[in-house]
């Protein structure tokens, strides 16, 4: 019996390995190797034509430290991180709690709130580009029809509000994604806990505060890390709607890296920016997880 179990375990491990090996190979080829190649290229002055030959050491990184556009882009990235966390997590948790309760039409509402996630980012960008259009755009037309013509403006042409106009679209698009994560977590909470709370006379708010929110913590932590990493490397929606303008008010590290790499043909400098982007994303994620652990230890 023991030998039979060992043979079954061996077969199971072999089956798992056979399924994992292709995924691992793809990951190494498409993720790990490009990261190391990017780090190697960052030590060269290279235009992308032919093999890199002019080794310059840390010159690209020294140039980044004195690059005002990089620091502007980093500031914008941090704003995106902060606003995304505040603009996505609370609404997503609220919707998840409401739509896992006993309300009419919740299947329809789930579909409605998740729909923005299904729409391609490029289509979303073009849609809101025309919504924000200053002359004939839907938003300004609506404001005029309400007698609020004084509030109309070039939403994507004003450097003071362009980034926040795009951030509204980002939050609108991704709230549904995090809502689904939180709904799955809530539906995994044992119903016995809620029944015990009702027997003890807890109100709906007390049940949410004492049971739902604490048990959502692991999912919330994961969602926050996903949001942080996604905000740091965000590119497509910004590129479609503003290409980093006006006056670099919506410039992010990813858009600046793209311009340097593929428009200015500074492959070495672009690779250095890409590695900085990777380090910042990992660093912020580790910082958040460290702060979360400290907060949990203090609470306990």
C-alpha atoms as a PDB file:
ATOM      1  CA  UNK A   1       0.000   0.000   0.000  1.00  0.00           C
ATOM      2  CA  UNK A   2       2.842   2.328   0.903  1.00  0.00           C
ATOM      3  CA  UNK A   3       4.674   1.600  -2.364  1.00  0.00           C
ATOM      4  CA  UNK A   4       1.457   2.200  -4.302  1.00  0.00           C
ATOM      5  CA  UNK A   5       0.994   5.581  -2.592  1.00  0.00           C
ATOM      6  CA  UNK A   6       4.600   6.538  -3.351  1.00  0.00           C
ATOM      7  CA  UNK A   7       4.111   5.565  -6.994  1.00  0.00           C
ATOM      8  CA  UNK A   8       0.944   7.669  -7.164  1.00  0.00           C
ATOM      9  CA  UNK A   9       2.750  10.618  -5.584  1.00  0.00           C
ATOM     10  CA  UNK A  10       5.565  10.241  -8.093  1.00  0.00           C
ATOM     11  CA  UNK A  11       3.101  10.168 -10.987  1.00  0.00           C
ATOM     12  CA  UNK A  12       1.322  13.222  -9.587  1.00  0.00           C
ATOM     13  CA  UNK A  13       4.575  15.151  -9.256  1.00  0.00           C
ATOM     14  CA  UNK A  14       5.543  14.183 -12.798  1.00  0.00           C
ATOM     15  CA  UNK A  15       2.172  15.352 -14.132  1.00  0.00           C
ATOM     16  CA  UNK A  16       2.472  18.655 -12.280  1.00  0.00           C
ATOM     17  CA  UNK A  17       6.004  19.128 -13.612  1.00  0.00           C
ATOM     18  CA  UNK A  18       4.895  18.450 -17.187  1.00  0.00           C
ATOM     19  CA  UNK A  19       2.253  21.163 -16.897  1.00  0.00           C
ATOM     20  CA  UNK A  20       4.552  23.642 -15.152  1.00  0.00           C
ATOM     21  CA  UNK A  21       7.612  23.302 -17.386  1.00  0.00           C
ATOM     22  CA  UNK A  22       6.075  24.985 -20.489  1.00  0.00           C
ATOM     23  CA  UNK A  23       4.781  27.862 -18.354  1.00  0.00           C
ATOM     24  CA  UNK A  24       8.161  28.204 -16.665  1.00  0.00           C
ATOM     25  CA  UNK A  25       9.953  28.233 -20.034  1.00  0.00           C
ATOM     26  CA  UNK A  26       7.611  30.931 -21.371  1.00  0.00           C
ATOM     27  CA  UNK A  27       8.108  32.972 -18.194  1.00  0.00           C
ATOM     28  CA  UNK A  28      11.890  32.746 -18.428  1.00  0.00           C
ATOM     29  CA  UNK A  29      11.975  33.569 -22.153  1.00  0.00           C
ATOM     30  CA  UNK A  30       9.387  36.367 -22.089  1.00  0.00           C
ATOM     31  CA  UNK A  31      10.014  37.924 -18.654  1.00  0.00           C
ATOM     32  CA  UNK A  32      13.298  36.956 -16.992  1.00  0.00           C
ATOM     33  CA  UNK A  33      15.552  37.125 -20.066  1.00  0.00           C
ATOM     34  CA  UNK A  34      14.184  40.535 -21.218  1.00  0.00           C
ATOM     35  CA  UNK A  35      14.746  41.957 -17.723  1.00  0.00           C
ATOM     36  CA  UNK A  36      18.399  40.907 -17.737  1.00  0.00           C
ATOM     37  CA  UNK A  37      18.804  42.081 -21.333  1.00  0.00           C
ATOM     38  CA  UNK A  38      17.304  45.445 -20.421  1.00  0.00           C
ATOM     39  CA  UNK A  39      19.715  45.790 -17.505  1.00  0.00           C
ATOM     40  CA  UNK A  40      22.635  44.957 -19.825  1.00  0.00           C
ATOM     41  CA  UNK A  41      21.537  47.462 -22.470  1.00  0.00           C
ATOM     42  CA  UNK A  42      21.216  50.179 -19.816  1.00  0.00           C
ATOM     43  CA  UNK A  43      25.014  50.250 -19.544  1.00  0.00           C
ATOM     44  CA  UNK A  44      25.400  51.155 -23.225  1.00  0.00           C
ATOM     45  CA  UNK A  45      24.867  54.185 -25.435  1.00  0.00           C
ATOM     46  CA  UNK A  46      22.810  52.407 -28.088  1.00  0.00           C
ATOM     47  CA  UNK A  47      20.437  53.499 -30.832  1.00  0.00           C
ATOM     48  CA  UNK A  48      18.959  50.032 -31.402  1.00  0.00           C
ATOM     49  CA  UNK A  49      20.605  49.603 -34.805  1.00  0.00           C
ATOM     50  CA  UNK A  50      23.129  46.794 -34.668  1.00  0.00           C
ATOM     51  CA  UNK A  51      24.585  45.271 -31.510  1.00  0.00           C
ATOM     52  CA  UNK A  52      25.366  47.602 -28.580  1.00  0.00           C
ATOM     53  CA  UNK A  53      29.095  48.372 -28.554  1.00  0.00           C
ATOM     54  CA  UNK A  54      29.623  51.669 -26.701  1.00  0.00           C
ATOM     55  CA  UNK A  55      29.837  50.756 -23.018  1.00  0.00           C
ATOM     56  CA  UNK A  56      29.261  53.784 -20.753  1.00  0.00           C
ATOM     57  CA  UNK A  57      28.759  52.144 -17.342  1.00  0.00           C
ATOM     58  CA  UNK A  58      26.373  54.017 -15.043  1.00  0.00           C
ATOM     59  CA  UNK A  59      26.201  57.149 -17.215  1.00  0.00           C
ATOM     60  CA  UNK A  60      22.554  56.557 -18.136  1.00  0.00           C
ATOM     61  CA  UNK A  61      21.569  56.234 -14.483  1.00  0.00           C
ATOM     62  CA  UNK A  62      23.512  59.388 -13.572  1.00  0.00           C
ATOM     63  CA  UNK A  63      21.684  61.210 -16.351  1.00  0.00           C
ATOM     64  CA  UNK A  64      18.343  59.983 -14.994  1.00  0.00           C
ATOM     65  CA  UNK A  65      19.156  61.469 -11.581  1.00  0.00           C
ATOM     66  CA  UNK A  66      19.498  64.909 -13.212  1.00  0.00           C
ATOM     67  CA  UNK A  67      16.591  64.472 -15.626  1.00  0.00           C
ATOM     68  CA  UNK A  68      13.768  66.821 -14.573  1.00  0.00           C
ATOM     69  CA  UNK A  69      11.287  65.046 -16.836  1.00  0.00           C
ATOM     70  CA  UNK A  70      11.953  61.766 -15.007  1.00  0.00           C
ATOM     71  CA  UNK A  71      11.214  63.357 -11.634  1.00  0.00           C
ATOM     72  CA  UNK A  72       8.075  64.971 -13.026  1.00  0.00           C
ATOM     73  CA  UNK A  73       6.974  61.578 -14.367  1.00  0.00           C
ATOM     74  CA  UNK A  74       7.753  59.899 -11.028  1.00  0.00           C
ATOM     75  CA  UNK A  75       5.665  62.510  -9.201  1.00  0.00           C
ATOM     76  CA  UNK A  76       2.770  61.861 -11.592  1.00  0.00           C
ATOM     77  CA  UNK A  77       3.161  58.103 -11.076  1.00  0.00           C
ATOM     78  CA  UNK A  78       2.932  58.524  -7.299  1.00  0.00           C
ATOM     79  CA  UNK A  79      -0.216  60.644  -7.737  1.00  0.00           C
ATOM     80  CA  UNK A  80      -1.681  57.870  -9.899  1.00  0.00           C
ATOM     81  CA  UNK A  81      -0.836  55.300  -7.191  1.00  0.00           C
ATOM     82  CA  UNK A  82      -2.416  57.370  -4.408  1.00  0.00           C
ATOM     83  CA  UNK A  83      -5.573  58.349  -6.317  1.00  0.00           C
ATOM     84  CA  UNK A  84      -6.021  54.818  -7.699  1.00  0.00           C
ATOM     85  CA  UNK A  85      -5.922  53.301  -4.224  1.00  0.00           C
ATOM     86  CA  UNK A  86      -8.425  55.810  -2.848  1.00  0.00           C
ATOM     87  CA  UNK A  87     -10.589  55.904  -5.956  1.00  0.00           C
ATOM     88  CA  UNK A  88     -10.789  52.155  -6.593  1.00  0.00           C
ATOM     89  CA  UNK A  89     -10.635  50.228  -3.311  1.00  0.00           C
ATOM     90  CA  UNK A  90     -13.418  51.882  -1.225  1.00  0.00           C
ATOM     91  CA  UNK A  91     -15.982  51.936  -4.095  1.00  0.00           C
ATOM     92  CA  UNK A  92     -15.067  48.364  -5.053  1.00  0.00           C
ATOM     93  CA  UNK A  93     -15.523  47.142  -1.464  1.00  0.00           C
ATOM     94  CA  UNK A  94     -18.820  49.042  -1.144  1.00  0.00           C
ATOM     95  CA  UNK A  95     -20.181  47.585  -4.389  1.00  0.00           C
ATOM     96  CA  UNK A  96     -18.991  44.087  -3.459  1.00  0.00           C
ATOM     97  CA  UNK A  97     -20.804  44.249  -0.113  1.00  0.00           C
ATOM     98  CA  UNK A  98     -23.998  45.574  -1.725  1.00  0.00           C
ATOM     99  CA  UNK A  99     -23.984  43.118  -4.640  1.00  0.00           C
ATOM    100  CA  UNK A 100     -23.392  40.064  -2.458  1.00  0.00           C
ATOM    101  CA  UNK A 101     -26.420  40.991  -0.367  1.00  0.00           C
ATOM    102  CA  UNK A 102     -30.073  40.296  -1.026  1.00  0.00           C
ATOM    103  CA  UNK A 103     -31.049  42.958  -3.555  1.00  0.00           C
ATOM    104  CA  UNK A 104     -33.101  42.773  -6.736  1.00  0.00           C
ATOM    105  CA  UNK A 105     -31.312  42.773 -10.073  1.00  0.00           C
ATOM    106  CA  UNK A 106     -27.883  42.144  -8.616  1.00  0.00           C
ATOM    107  CA  UNK A 107     -26.838  39.959 -11.567  1.00  0.00           C
ATOM    108  CA  UNK A 108     -27.605  42.824 -13.942  1.00  0.00           C
ATOM    109  CA  UNK A 109     -25.802  45.337 -11.716  1.00  0.00           C
ATOM    110  CA  UNK A 110     -22.750  43.091 -11.473  1.00  0.00           C
ATOM    111  CA  UNK A 111     -22.592  42.996 -15.262  1.00  0.00           C
ATOM    112  CA  UNK A 112     -22.991  46.775 -15.524  1.00  0.00           C
ATOM    113  CA  UNK A 113     -20.213  47.538 -13.050  1.00  0.00           C
ATOM    114  CA  UNK A 114     -17.843  44.965 -14.536  1.00  0.00           C
ATOM    115  CA  UNK A 115     -18.502  46.017 -18.150  1.00  0.00           C
ATOM    116  CA  UNK A 116     -15.796  48.752 -18.251  1.00  0.00           C
ATOM    117  CA  UNK A 117     -13.189  46.073 -17.560  1.00  0.00           C
ATOM    118  CA  UNK A 118     -14.266  44.173 -20.680  1.00  0.00           C
ATOM    119  CA  UNK A 119     -13.920  47.182 -23.000  1.00  0.00           C
ATOM    120  CA  UNK A 120     -10.441  47.433 -24.503  1.00  0.00           C
ATOM    121  CA  UNK A 121      -8.245  50.175 -23.065  1.00  0.00           C
ATOM    122  CA  UNK A 122      -7.738  51.794 -26.470  1.00  0.00           C
ATOM    123  CA  UNK A 123     -11.506  51.946 -27.048  1.00  0.00           C
ATOM    124  CA  UNK A 124     -11.982  53.387 -23.556  1.00  0.00           C
ATOM    125  CA  UNK A 125      -9.329  56.013 -24.211  1.00  0.00           C
ATOM    126  CA  UNK A 126     -10.897  57.150 -27.474  1.00  0.00           C
ATOM    127  CA  UNK A 127     -14.381  57.120 -25.935  1.00  0.00           C
ATOM    128  CA  UNK A 128     -13.411  59.469 -23.110  1.00  0.00           C
ATOM    129  CA  UNK A 129     -11.204  61.546 -25.400  1.00  0.00           C
ATOM    130  CA  UNK A 130     -14.393  62.564 -27.196  1.00  0.00           C
ATOM    131  CA  UNK A 131     -16.349  62.858 -23.944  1.00  0.00           C
ATOM    132  CA  UNK A 132     -13.751  65.397 -22.763  1.00  0.00           C
ATOM    133  CA  UNK A 133     -13.533  67.213 -26.139  1.00  0.00           C
ATOM    134  CA  UNK A 134     -13.845  70.947 -25.266  1.00  0.00           C
ATOM    135  CA  UNK A 135     -16.205  72.120 -28.049  1.00  0.00           C
ATOM    136  CA  UNK A 136     -18.539  69.238 -28.867  1.00  0.00           C
ATOM    137  CA  UNK A 137     -17.685  66.791 -26.075  1.00  0.00           C
ATOM    138  CA  UNK A 138     -20.491  65.187 -24.085  1.00  0.00           C
ATOM    139  CA  UNK A 139     -19.293  66.516 -20.713  1.00  0.00           C
ATOM    140  CA  UNK A 140     -19.129  70.181 -21.727  1.00  0.00           C
ATOM    141  CA  UNK A 141     -22.410  69.893 -23.639  1.00  0.00           C
ATOM    142  CA  UNK A 142     -24.050  68.476 -20.513  1.00  0.00           C
ATOM    143  CA  UNK A 143     -22.672  71.296 -18.373  1.00  0.00           C
ATOM    144  CA  UNK A 144     -23.965  73.893 -20.841  1.00  0.00           C
ATOM    145  CA  UNK A 145     -27.424  72.295 -20.906  1.00  0.00           C
ATOM    146  CA  UNK A 146     -27.526  72.529 -17.096  1.00  0.00           C
ATOM    147  CA  UNK A 147     -26.662  76.232 -17.216  1.00  0.00           C
ATOM    148  CA  UNK A 148     -23.129  75.605 -15.948  1.00  0.00           C
ATOM    149  CA  UNK A 149     -21.241  76.924 -18.943  1.00  0.00           C
ATOM    150  CA  UNK A 150     -18.788  78.582 -16.564  1.00  0.00           C
ATOM    151  CA  UNK A 151     -17.549  75.091 -15.574  1.00  0.00           C
ATOM    152  CA  UNK A 152     -16.666  73.974 -19.117  1.00  0.00           C
ATOM    153  CA  UNK A 153     -13.002  73.662 -19.996  1.00  0.00           C
ATOM    154  CA  UNK A 154     -10.497  71.696 -21.986  1.00  0.00           C
ATOM    155  CA  UNK A 155     -10.343  68.735 -19.640  1.00  0.00           C
ATOM    156  CA  UNK A 156      -7.337  67.174 -21.358  1.00  0.00           C
ATOM    157  CA  UNK A 157      -5.789  70.467 -22.493  1.00  0.00           C
ATOM    158  CA  UNK A 158      -5.477  72.132 -19.094  1.00  0.00           C
ATOM    159  CA  UNK A 159      -2.223  71.033 -17.375  1.00  0.00           C
ATOM    160  CA  UNK A 160      -3.751  71.601 -13.939  1.00  0.00           C
ATOM    161  CA  UNK A 161      -6.560  69.045 -14.390  1.00  0.00           C
ATOM    162  CA  UNK A 162      -5.495  66.784 -17.283  1.00  0.00           C
ATOM    163  CA  UNK A 163      -3.992  64.094 -15.035  1.00  0.00           C
ATOM    164  CA  UNK A 164      -7.060  63.983 -12.792  1.00  0.00           C
ATOM    165  CA  UNK A 165      -9.347  63.784 -15.831  1.00  0.00           C
ATOM    166  CA  UNK A 166      -7.477  60.674 -16.953  1.00  0.00           C
ATOM    167  CA  UNK A 167      -7.426  59.302 -13.407  1.00  0.00           C
ATOM    168  CA  UNK A 168     -11.225  59.395 -13.321  1.00  0.00           C
ATOM    169  CA  UNK A 169     -11.256  57.135 -16.386  1.00  0.00           C
ATOM    170  CA  UNK A 170      -8.679  54.781 -14.847  1.00  0.00           C
ATOM    171  CA  UNK A 171     -10.747  54.415 -11.671  1.00  0.00           C
ATOM    172  CA  UNK A 172     -13.966  53.967 -13.676  1.00  0.00           C
ATOM    173  CA  UNK A 173     -12.367  51.187 -15.694  1.00  0.00           C
ATOM    174  CA  UNK A 174     -10.823  49.159 -12.860  1.00  0.00           C
ATOM    175  CA  UNK A 175     -13.353  49.436 -10.022  1.00  0.00           C
ATOM    176  CA  UNK A 176     -15.263  46.494 -11.516  1.00  0.00           C
ATOM    177  CA  UNK A 177     -12.165  44.301 -11.535  1.00  0.00           C
ATOM    178  CA  UNK A 178     -11.502  44.818  -7.831  1.00  0.00           C
ATOM    179  CA  UNK A 179     -15.217  44.525  -7.088  1.00  0.00           C
ATOM    180  CA  UNK A 180     -15.147  40.958  -8.454  1.00  0.00           C
ATOM    181  CA  UNK A 181     -12.108  40.109  -6.298  1.00  0.00           C
ATOM    182  CA  UNK A 182     -13.855  41.350  -3.167  1.00  0.00           C
ATOM    183  CA  UNK A 183     -17.124  39.633  -4.084  1.00  0.00           C
ATOM    184  CA  UNK A 184     -15.321  36.301  -4.402  1.00  0.00           C
ATOM    185  CA  UNK A 185     -13.717  36.844  -1.005  1.00  0.00           C
ATOM    186  CA  UNK A 186     -17.004  37.826   0.659  1.00  0.00           C
ATOM    187  CA  UNK A 187     -18.824  34.815  -0.760  1.00  0.00           C
ATOM    188  CA  UNK A 188     -16.100  32.616   0.735  1.00  0.00           C
ATOM    189  CA  UNK A 189     -16.830  33.833   4.272  1.00  0.00           C
ATOM    190  CA  UNK A 190     -18.698  31.123   6.256  1.00  0.00           C
ATOM    191  CA  UNK A 191     -22.380  32.009   6.634  1.00  0.00           C
ATOM    192  CA  UNK A 192     -22.302  30.663  10.195  1.00  0.00           C
ATOM    193  CA  UNK A 193     -20.421  33.796  11.247  1.00  0.00           C
ATOM    194  CA  UNK A 194     -23.197  36.047   9.956  1.00  0.00           C
ATOM    195  CA  UNK A 195     -25.886  33.863  11.536  1.00  0.00           C
ATOM    196  CA  UNK A 196     -24.100  34.017  14.890  1.00  0.00           C
ATOM    197  CA  UNK A 197     -23.827  37.806  14.564  1.00  0.00           C
ATOM    198  CA  UNK A 198     -27.555  38.113  13.855  1.00  0.00           C
ATOM    199  CA  UNK A 199     -28.358  35.943  16.875  1.00  0.00           C
ATOM    200  CA  UNK A 200     -26.193  38.257  19.001  1.00  0.00           C
ATOM    201  CA  UNK A 201     -28.231  41.212  17.754  1.00  0.00           C
ATOM    202  CA  UNK A 202     -25.605  42.827  15.514  1.00  0.00           C
ATOM    203  CA  UNK A 203     -26.814  45.416  13.025  1.00  0.00           C
ATOM    204  CA  UNK A 204     -25.879  45.210   9.344  1.00  0.00           C
ATOM    205  CA  UNK A 205     -23.167  47.852   9.813  1.00  0.00           C
ATOM    206  CA  UNK A 206     -21.727  46.029  12.833  1.00  0.00           C
ATOM    207  CA  UNK A 207     -21.678  42.783  10.842  1.00  0.00           C
ATOM    208  CA  UNK A 208     -19.766  44.461   8.027  1.00  0.00           C
ATOM    209  CA  UNK A 209     -17.343  46.165  10.411  1.00  0.00           C
ATOM    210  CA  UNK A 210     -16.705  43.187  12.679  1.00  0.00           C
ATOM    211  CA  UNK A 211     -16.826  40.289  10.193  1.00  0.00           C
ATOM    212  CA  UNK A 212     -16.702  41.288   6.534  1.00  0.00           C
ATOM    213  CA  UNK A 213     -13.994  43.960   6.556  1.00  0.00           C
ATOM    214  CA  UNK A 214     -11.516  42.075   8.787  1.00  0.00           C
ATOM    215  CA  UNK A 215     -11.860  38.910   6.692  1.00  0.00           C
ATOM    216  CA  UNK A 216     -11.378  40.959   3.513  1.00  0.00           C
ATOM    217  CA  UNK A 217      -7.925  42.087   4.654  1.00  0.00           C
ATOM    218  CA  UNK A 218      -5.880  39.456   2.734  1.00  0.00           C
ATOM    219  CA  UNK A 219      -7.773  40.183  -0.490  1.00  0.00           C
ATOM    220  CA  UNK A 220      -7.490  43.932   0.091  1.00  0.00           C
ATOM    221  CA  UNK A 221      -3.740  43.579   0.532  1.00  0.00           C
ATOM    222  CA  UNK A 222      -3.463  41.661  -2.749  1.00  0.00           C
ATOM    223  CA  UNK A 223      -5.680  44.187  -4.540  1.00  0.00           C
ATOM    224  CA  UNK A 224      -3.592  47.098  -3.260  1.00  0.00           C
ATOM    225  CA  UNK A 225      -0.365  45.488  -4.480  1.00  0.00           C
ATOM    226  CA  UNK A 226      -1.948  44.902  -7.900  1.00  0.00           C
ATOM    227  CA  UNK A 227      -3.118  48.517  -7.984  1.00  0.00           C
ATOM    228  CA  UNK A 228       0.304  49.864  -6.971  1.00  0.00           C
ATOM    229  CA  UNK A 229       2.181  47.831  -9.577  1.00  0.00           C
ATOM    230  CA  UNK A 230      -0.400  48.620 -12.253  1.00  0.00           C
ATOM    231  CA  UNK A 231      -0.280  52.350 -11.455  1.00  0.00           C
ATOM    232  CA  UNK A 232       3.515  52.481 -11.604  1.00  0.00           C
ATOM    233  CA  UNK A 233       3.735  50.793 -15.002  1.00  0.00           C
ATOM    234  CA  UNK A 234       0.571  52.367 -16.451  1.00  0.00           C
ATOM    235  CA  UNK A 235       0.891  53.343 -20.099  1.00  0.00           C
ATOM    236  CA  UNK A 236      -1.873  52.602 -22.602  1.00  0.00           C
ATOM    237  CA  UNK A 237      -4.753  54.830 -21.466  1.00  0.00           C
ATOM    238  CA  UNK A 238      -2.432  57.797 -20.877  1.00  0.00           C
ATOM    239  CA  UNK A 239      -0.845  57.305 -24.287  1.00  0.00           C
ATOM    240  CA  UNK A 240      -4.171  57.120 -26.120  1.00  0.00           C
ATOM    241  CA  UNK A 241      -5.705  60.144 -24.379  1.00  0.00           C
ATOM    242  CA  UNK A 242      -2.802  62.593 -23.914  1.00  0.00           C
ATOM    243  CA  UNK A 243       0.552  60.982 -24.937  1.00  0.00           C
ATOM    244  CA  UNK A 244       1.918  62.526 -21.734  1.00  0.00           C
ATOM    245  CA  UNK A 245       0.825  66.108 -22.436  1.00  0.00           C
ATOM    246  CA  UNK A 246      -0.007  68.905 -22.143  1.00  0.00           C
ATOM    247  CA  UNK A 247       3.351  70.265 -20.953  1.00  0.00           C
ATOM    248  CA  UNK A 248       4.147  66.775 -19.576  1.00  0.00           C
ATOM    249  CA  UNK A 249       1.382  67.163 -16.986  1.00  0.00           C
ATOM    250  CA  UNK A 250       0.325  63.529 -17.558  1.00  0.00           C
ATOM    251  CA  UNK A 251       3.778  62.156 -18.329  1.00  0.00           C
ATOM    252  CA  UNK A 252       4.460  58.847 -16.569  1.00  0.00           C
ATOM    253  CA  UNK A 253       7.699  56.893 -16.436  1.00  0.00           C
ATOM    254  CA  UNK A 254       6.304  54.332 -18.885  1.00  0.00           C
ATOM    255  CA  UNK A 255       5.311  56.968 -21.472  1.00  0.00           C
ATOM    256  CA  UNK A 256       8.641  58.761 -21.059  1.00  0.00           C
ATOM    257  CA  UNK A 257      10.471  55.441 -21.463  1.00  0.00           C
ATOM    258  CA  UNK A 258       8.527  54.720 -24.662  1.00  0.00           C
ATOM    259  CA  UNK A 259       9.374  58.128 -26.110  1.00  0.00           C
ATOM    260  CA  UNK A 260      13.067  57.788 -25.299  1.00  0.00           C
ATOM    261  CA  UNK A 261      13.283  54.212 -26.572  1.00  0.00           C
ATOM    262  CA  UNK A 262      11.142  54.164 -29.702  1.00  0.00           C
ATOM    263  CA  UNK A 263      10.794  57.824 -30.730  1.00  0.00           C
ATOM    264  CA  UNK A 264      14.243  59.175 -29.819  1.00  0.00           C
ATOM    265  CA  UNK A 265      16.046  55.856 -30.438  1.00  0.00           C
ATOM    266  CA  UNK A 266      17.897  56.055 -27.118  1.00  0.00           C
ATOM    267  CA  UNK A 267      17.657  52.357 -26.361  1.00  0.00           C
ATOM    268  CA  UNK A 268      20.243  52.414 -23.592  1.00  0.00           C
ATOM    269  CA  UNK A 269      18.580  55.302 -21.776  1.00  0.00           C
ATOM    270  CA  UNK A 270      15.152  53.735 -22.284  1.00  0.00           C
ATOM    271  CA  UNK A 271      16.436  50.462 -20.822  1.00  0.00           C
ATOM    272  CA  UNK A 272      17.745  52.334 -17.780  1.00  0.00           C
ATOM    273  CA  UNK A 273      14.321  53.940 -17.343  1.00  0.00           C
ATOM    274  CA  UNK A 274      12.682  50.512 -17.659  1.00  0.00           C
ATOM    275  CA  UNK A 275      14.907  49.086 -14.924  1.00  0.00           C
ATOM    276  CA  UNK A 276      14.168  52.088 -12.688  1.00  0.00           C
ATOM    277  CA  UNK A 277      10.467  51.473 -13.300  1.00  0.00           C
ATOM    278  CA  UNK A 278      10.900  47.827 -12.258  1.00  0.00           C
ATOM    279  CA  UNK A 279      12.808  48.776  -9.091  1.00  0.00           C
ATOM    280  CA  UNK A 280      10.232  51.417  -8.100  1.00  0.00           C
ATOM    281  CA  UNK A 281       7.316  49.002  -8.598  1.00  0.00           C
ATOM    282  CA  UNK A 282       8.990  46.273  -6.544  1.00  0.00           C
ATOM    283  CA  UNK A 283      10.112  48.761  -3.883  1.00  0.00           C
ATOM    284  CA  UNK A 284       6.655  50.278  -3.389  1.00  0.00           C
ATOM    285  CA  UNK A 285       5.055  46.825  -3.254  1.00  0.00           C
ATOM    286  CA  UNK A 286       7.530  45.638  -0.615  1.00  0.00           C
ATOM    287  CA  UNK A 287       7.056  48.880   1.341  1.00  0.00           C
ATOM    288  CA  UNK A 288       3.286  48.445   1.323  1.00  0.00           C
ATOM    289  CA  UNK A 289       3.506  44.794   2.408  1.00  0.00           C
ATOM    290  CA  UNK A 290       5.973  45.739   5.159  1.00  0.00           C
ATOM    291  CA  UNK A 291       3.697  48.494   6.463  1.00  0.00           C
ATOM    292  CA  UNK A 292       0.726  46.111   6.316  1.00  0.00           C
ATOM    293  CA  UNK A 293       2.624  43.543   8.382  1.00  0.00           C
ATOM    294  CA  UNK A 294       3.614  46.167  10.966  1.00  0.00           C
ATOM    295  CA  UNK A 295       0.006  47.381  11.201  1.00  0.00           C
ATOM    296  CA  UNK A 296      -1.235  43.792  11.640  1.00  0.00           C
ATOM    297  CA  UNK A 297       1.325  43.090  14.370  1.00  0.00           C
ATOM    298  CA  UNK A 298       0.336  46.287  16.208  1.00  0.00           C
ATOM    299  CA  UNK A 299      -3.372  45.393  15.937  1.00  0.00           C
ATOM    300  CA  UNK A 300      -2.727  41.942  17.382  1.00  0.00           C
END
